Amino acid sequence: MHTIETLRKKFQRRVCKESIFLKSGRTPSIADTGSKLSSEVAKAIVKAIGNPISARDIDGQTAGKNFETITMEFVESSIAALSHLRPGHWLYSVHNDISQFVQYAHLADLKRIVKLNKEALTALGDYVVNPDVVVARKPISDQEINLHHSLVRSGSYPKLSPLRAANQTSEMPSLHASISCKLTLRSDRSQNARTEGLNLIRNRKGHTPHICVVTAEPMPTRLASLALGTGDIDCVYHFALDELEEAVKSSKNEAAIDALVPLIEGKRLRDIADLPFDLIA
């Protein structure tokens, strides 16, 4: 069994190899080359991790897709290791239509209405969200519910909870977590993540899933643009928070330090290793 630290190192190694490359042979691609601080911090992070990054260019779309897959597989491996703390039949996927989950099944009907009537789109707005990474939970059979004690019988209560498979005709899974993967952050990407989160909250019928963002952004101010505030996102998770914190402190840039420290102390920014624990809480 791998430790969480081992899984974290494997995650970082894959991100470095499959999603980050050297721009012009000098600067890691997660850096904004127009910012000296961003470049310095990105270089320090990669150096601290100690894994080589790709010497070949990786186009943005491929790097982003790889980051999503790597994040999904890290979450899956970690939750499997923690299964004794939160048992369940978990499902993991990338870019699923949320109408496939029980809290959002009604959106399939709205989608059909909008497709047939363009005026409805103006009235209803863009409610469709396809999360980068989803964690879902399958409903539970009566046999499993009665594993240790006879708790339910056919036709008995509870009759409506979708967690009980007998209450559903299609045994649709519930959306447990939506994870937005942003390799780097720009203002538009930050706003997209917030919009996705708000749509998940507003359009649900049932409990709200965990709403998280995973990023490798090196600039504290850009992290703050997404992490500060509450309501639409549970938390932002950095792929190398300790390495980022050390790099920012070593930069002696007071503005960057002042931007980063409140995010961590205010519980708005955490390390990728914290994510699986938060998801099973």
Protein backbone atom coordinates (compact mmCIF):
# COMPACT_ATOMS: atom_id res chain seq x y z
CA MET A 1 0.00 0.00 0.00
CA HIS A 2 1.35 3.41 -1.00
CA THR A 3 1.49 6.21 1.55
CA ILE A 4 -0.24 9.52 0.74
CA GLU A 5 3.22 11.10 0.48
CA THR A 6 4.23 8.50 -2.11
CA LEU A 7 1.03 9.12 -4.09
CA ARG A 8 1.70 12.87 -3.92
CA LYS A 9 5.22 12.42 -5.30
CA LYS A 10 3.90 10.20 -8.09
CA PHE A 11 1.28 12.86 -8.91
CA GLN A 12 3.94 15.59 -9.06
CA ARG A 13 6.26 13.44 -11.15
CA ARG A 14 3.54 12.85 -13.73
CA VAL A 15 2.48 16.51 -13.81
CA CYS A 16 6.09 17.56 -14.41
CA LYS A 17 6.55 15.00 -17.17
CA GLU A 18 3.18 15.19 -18.93
CA SER A 19 1.89 18.73 -18.40
CA ILE A 20 4.88 21.06 -17.88
CA PHE A 21 7.68 21.82 -20.32
CA LEU A 22 10.53 24.31 -20.68
CA LYS A 23 9.60 27.44 -22.60
CA SER A 24 12.49 28.44 -24.88
CA GLY A 25 14.57 25.89 -22.98
CA ARG A 26 14.63 28.04 -19.83
CA THR A 27 11.35 28.65 -18.03
CA PRO A 28 8.71 26.13 -16.86
CA SER A 29 5.51 26.52 -18.85
CA ILE A 30 3.40 27.17 -15.73
CA ALA A 31 5.16 30.54 -15.41
CA ASP A 32 4.04 33.81 -16.94
CA THR A 33 7.21 34.68 -18.82
CA GLY A 34 6.23 38.34 -18.69
CA SER A 35 6.66 38.27 -14.91
CA LYS A 36 10.10 37.86 -13.37
CA LEU A 37 8.57 36.73 -10.06
CA SER A 38 6.37 34.13 -11.74
CA SER A 39 9.36 32.70 -13.60
CA GLU A 40 11.53 32.61 -10.47
CA VAL A 41 8.86 30.93 -8.35
CA ALA A 42 8.03 28.38 -11.06
CA LYS A 43 11.71 27.46 -11.44
CA ALA A 44 12.10 27.10 -7.67
CA ILE A 45 9.02 24.86 -7.42
CA VAL A 46 10.23 22.54 -10.16
CA LYS A 47 13.70 22.42 -8.63
CA ALA A 48 12.30 21.59 -5.18
CA ILE A 49 10.13 18.80 -6.56
CA GLY A 50 13.21 17.35 -8.19
CA ASN A 51 11.53 15.74 -11.17
CA PRO A 52 12.51 16.54 -14.76
CA ILE A 53 9.99 18.37 -16.89
CA SER A 54 9.43 17.78 -20.59
CA ALA A 55 12.08 19.14 -22.93
CA ARG A 56 9.51 19.08 -25.72
CA ASP A 57 6.68 21.58 -26.09
CA ILE A 58 3.26 20.35 -24.98
CA ASP A 59 0.34 22.22 -26.49
CA GLY A 60 -2.05 23.80 -24.01
CA GLN A 61 -4.98 21.49 -24.71
CA THR A 62 -2.89 18.35 -24.27
CA ALA A 63 -1.25 19.66 -21.10
CA GLY A 64 -4.67 20.48 -19.65
CA LYS A 65 -6.16 17.10 -20.51
CA ASN A 66 -3.15 15.32 -19.03
CA PHE A 67 -3.49 17.38 -15.85
CA GLU A 68 -7.15 16.35 -15.53
CA THR A 69 -6.36 12.65 -15.99
CA ILE A 70 -3.43 12.74 -13.57
CA THR A 71 -5.57 14.49 -10.96
CA MET A 72 -8.41 12.00 -11.39
CA GLU A 73 -6.08 9.02 -11.00
CA PHE A 74 -4.45 10.57 -7.92
CA VAL A 75 -7.85 11.09 -6.29
CA GLU A 76 -8.95 7.57 -7.19
CA SER A 77 -5.79 5.97 -5.78
CA SER A 78 -5.91 8.06 -2.61
CA ILE A 79 -9.58 7.42 -1.86
CA ALA A 80 -9.03 3.70 -2.48
CA ALA A 81 -6.26 3.80 0.15
CA LEU A 82 -8.65 5.56 2.55
CA SER A 83 -11.64 3.30 1.81
CA HIS A 84 -11.77 2.05 5.40
CA LEU A 85 -12.58 5.62 6.49
CA ARG A 86 -15.30 6.23 3.90
CA PRO A 87 -16.55 3.00 2.32
CA GLY A 88 -18.66 3.17 -0.81
CA HIS A 89 -18.85 2.27 -4.47
CA TRP A 90 -17.07 5.23 -6.03
CA LEU A 91 -16.94 6.20 -9.70
CA TYR A 92 -14.33 8.49 -11.30
CA SER A 93 -14.45 10.14 -14.70
CA VAL A 94 -13.46 13.16 -16.77
CA HIS A 95 -15.91 15.58 -18.43
CA ASN A 96 -19.17 13.91 -17.51
CA ASP A 97 -22.49 15.58 -18.26
CA ILE A 98 -23.89 16.39 -14.80
CA SER A 99 -27.39 15.38 -15.89
CA GLN A 100 -26.12 11.80 -15.47
CA PHE A 101 -26.13 12.29 -11.69
CA VAL A 102 -29.18 12.15 -9.47
CA GLN A 103 -29.04 15.75 -8.20
CA TYR A 104 -28.98 17.08 -11.76
CA ALA A 105 -31.07 14.54 -13.71
CA HIS A 106 -33.75 17.18 -14.33
CA LEU A 107 -31.26 19.17 -16.43
CA ALA A 108 -31.58 16.57 -19.21
CA ASP A 109 -35.18 17.76 -19.72
CA LEU A 110 -34.08 21.40 -19.75
CA LYS A 111 -31.37 20.53 -22.25
CA ARG A 112 -33.98 19.07 -24.60
CA ILE A 113 -36.19 22.16 -24.22
CA VAL A 114 -33.32 24.50 -25.00
CA LYS A 115 -32.32 22.43 -28.01
CA LEU A 116 -35.81 22.76 -29.47
CA ASN A 117 -36.38 26.37 -28.49
CA LYS A 118 -33.52 28.86 -28.70
CA GLU A 119 -35.59 31.50 -26.91
CA ALA A 120 -35.58 29.22 -23.87
CA LEU A 121 -31.80 29.56 -23.71
CA THR A 122 -32.18 33.30 -23.25
CA ALA A 123 -34.67 32.77 -20.44
CA LEU A 124 -32.94 29.87 -18.68
CA GLY A 125 -29.32 30.85 -19.21
CA ASP A 126 -26.35 28.51 -19.56
CA TYR A 127 -26.90 25.99 -16.79
CA VAL A 128 -24.91 23.12 -18.31
CA VAL A 129 -21.72 22.16 -16.46
CA ASN A 130 -19.33 19.42 -17.50
CA PRO A 131 -16.82 19.21 -14.64
CA ASP A 132 -13.20 18.41 -15.46
CA VAL A 133 -13.09 15.56 -12.93
CA VAL A 134 -16.03 14.01 -11.12
CA VAL A 135 -16.28 11.65 -8.17
CA ALA A 136 -19.64 9.92 -7.90
CA ARG A 137 -21.18 7.35 -5.59
CA LYS A 138 -23.34 4.46 -6.73
CA PRO A 139 -26.59 3.80 -4.83
CA ILE A 140 -26.64 0.98 -2.26
CA SER A 141 -28.60 -2.24 -2.59
CA ASP A 142 -30.86 -3.52 0.19
CA GLN A 143 -28.60 -6.54 0.53
CA GLU A 144 -25.68 -4.27 1.36
CA ILE A 145 -27.78 -2.13 3.71
CA ASN A 146 -28.81 -5.27 5.59
CA LEU A 147 -25.27 -6.69 5.69
CA HIS A 148 -24.95 -6.59 9.50
CA HIS A 149 -28.54 -6.00 10.64
CA SER A 150 -31.96 -6.20 9.02
CA LEU A 151 -32.59 -2.49 8.57
CA VAL A 152 -34.89 -2.30 5.54
CA ARG A 153 -37.34 -4.55 3.75
CA SER A 154 -39.07 -4.38 0.40
CA GLY A 155 -41.59 -1.55 0.30
CA SER A 156 -40.49 -0.18 3.67
CA TYR A 157 -38.91 3.11 4.61
CA PRO A 158 -36.91 4.99 3.44
CA LYS A 159 -38.87 5.29 0.19
CA LEU A 160 -37.37 8.40 -1.40
CA SER A 161 -33.64 8.69 -0.65
CA PRO A 162 -31.71 8.07 -3.90
CA LEU A 163 -28.85 6.48 -1.93
CA ARG A 164 -31.07 3.41 -1.63
CA ALA A 165 -30.99 1.66 -5.01
CA ALA A 166 -34.48 0.24 -4.50
CA ASN A 167 -35.87 3.78 -4.63
CA GLN A 168 -34.58 4.32 -8.17
CA THR A 169 -35.50 2.76 -11.47
CA SER A 170 -32.19 3.59 -13.16
CA GLU A 171 -29.88 3.39 -10.11
CA MET A 172 -28.33 6.75 -11.00
CA PRO A 173 -25.18 7.71 -9.04
CA SER A 174 -24.99 10.88 -6.98
CA LEU A 175 -22.37 13.52 -7.71
CA HIS A 176 -19.99 13.53 -4.74
CA ALA A 177 -17.36 15.98 -6.01
CA SER A 178 -16.66 18.28 -8.93
CA ILE A 179 -12.97 19.06 -9.40
CA SER A 180 -11.97 21.85 -11.77
CA CYS A 181 -8.39 21.44 -13.03
CA LYS A 182 -6.62 24.65 -14.04
CA LEU A 183 -2.93 24.09 -14.74
CA THR A 184 -2.45 27.86 -14.52
CA LEU A 185 -4.80 30.70 -13.65
CA ARG A 186 -5.72 33.73 -15.66
CA SER A 187 -8.68 36.01 -14.90
CA ASP A 188 -10.98 34.22 -17.34
CA ARG A 189 -10.08 30.78 -15.97
CA SER A 190 -10.72 31.92 -12.42
CA GLN A 191 -14.11 33.23 -13.42
CA ASN A 192 -14.96 29.99 -15.24
CA ALA A 193 -14.27 27.97 -12.11
CA ARG A 194 -16.50 30.25 -10.02
CA THR A 195 -19.30 30.08 -12.60
CA GLU A 196 -19.14 26.29 -12.66
CA GLY A 197 -19.36 26.21 -8.88
CA LEU A 198 -22.33 28.56 -8.73
CA ASN A 199 -24.18 26.56 -11.39
CA LEU A 200 -23.65 23.36 -9.43
CA ILE A 201 -25.05 25.01 -6.30
CA ARG A 202 -28.04 26.69 -7.94
CA ASN A 203 -29.19 23.88 -10.19
CA ARG A 204 -29.05 20.93 -7.80
CA LYS A 205 -31.94 18.92 -6.42
CA GLY A 206 -30.35 17.37 -3.34
CA HIS A 207 -27.06 17.82 -1.57
CA THR A 208 -24.30 20.04 -2.94
CA PRO A 209 -21.22 18.12 -4.14
CA HIS A 210 -17.73 19.09 -3.07
CA ILE A 211 -16.61 21.89 -5.39
CA CYS A 212 -12.82 22.10 -5.69
CA VAL A 213 -10.12 23.54 -7.91
CA VAL A 214 -6.67 22.01 -8.49
CA THR A 215 -3.93 24.16 -9.99
CA ALA A 216 -0.17 24.53 -10.47
CA GLU A 217 -0.29 28.34 -10.72
CA PRO A 218 2.89 29.87 -9.20
CA MET A 219 1.66 33.45 -8.65
CA PRO A 220 0.06 34.12 -5.21
CA THR A 221 -1.96 37.06 -6.53
CA ARG A 222 -3.57 34.88 -9.18
CA LEU A 223 -4.25 32.18 -6.62
CA ALA A 224 -5.88 34.83 -4.45
CA SER A 225 -8.17 35.89 -7.30
CA LEU A 226 -9.80 32.47 -7.08
CA ALA A 227 -9.23 31.33 -3.50
CA LEU A 228 -10.35 34.45 -1.66
CA GLY A 229 -13.99 34.59 -0.67
CA THR A 230 -16.45 31.84 0.15
CA GLY A 231 -19.67 30.42 -1.24
CA ASP A 232 -18.91 29.11 -4.72
CA ILE A 233 -15.78 26.96 -4.19
CA ASP A 234 -14.91 24.78 -1.21
CA CYS A 235 -11.17 25.22 -1.52
CA VAL A 236 -8.29 25.57 -3.97
CA TYR A 237 -5.61 22.84 -3.97
CA HIS A 238 -2.07 23.41 -5.21
CA PHE A 239 -0.05 20.61 -6.75
CA ALA A 240 2.99 21.60 -4.64
CA LEU A 241 1.97 23.93 -1.83
CA ASP A 242 4.99 23.44 0.44
CA GLU A 243 7.33 23.99 -2.49
CA LEU A 244 5.35 27.07 -3.54
CA GLU A 245 5.41 28.54 -0.04
CA GLU A 246 9.18 28.05 0.27
CA ALA A 247 9.77 29.55 -3.19
CA VAL A 248 7.69 32.63 -2.41
CA LYS A 249 9.40 33.19 0.94
CA SER A 250 12.82 32.82 -0.70
CA SER A 251 11.88 35.45 -3.28
CA LYS A 252 11.76 38.09 -0.51
CA ASN A 253 8.86 39.66 -2.40
CA GLU A 254 6.71 41.09 0.39
CA ALA A 255 3.64 41.57 -1.80
CA ALA A 256 3.73 37.93 -2.87
CA ILE A 257 4.27 36.72 0.70
CA ASP A 258 1.43 38.93 1.94
CA ALA A 259 -0.84 37.49 -0.75
CA LEU A 260 0.02 33.84 -0.09
CA VAL A 261 0.10 33.57 3.71
CA PRO A 262 -3.55 34.63 4.30
CA LEU A 263 -4.73 32.06 1.74
CA ILE A 264 -3.09 29.24 3.69
CA GLU A 265 -3.85 30.52 7.18
CA GLY A 266 -7.39 31.40 6.11
CA LYS A 267 -7.96 27.79 4.93
CA ARG A 268 -8.63 28.78 1.33
CA LEU A 269 -5.52 27.14 -0.18
CA ARG A 270 -4.31 23.61 0.57
CA ASP A 271 -1.96 21.01 -0.82
CA ILE A 272 -3.05 18.31 -3.25
CA ALA A 273 -2.40 15.74 -0.49
CA ASP A 274 -5.23 17.31 1.51
CA LEU A 275 -7.80 16.87 -1.24
CA PRO A 276 -8.67 13.15 -0.77
CA PHE A 277 -9.05 13.65 2.99
CA ASP A 278 -11.38 16.60 2.44
CA LEU A 279 -13.41 14.57 -0.04
CA ILE A 280 -14.09 11.79 2.44
CA ALA A 281 -14.80 14.14 5.37
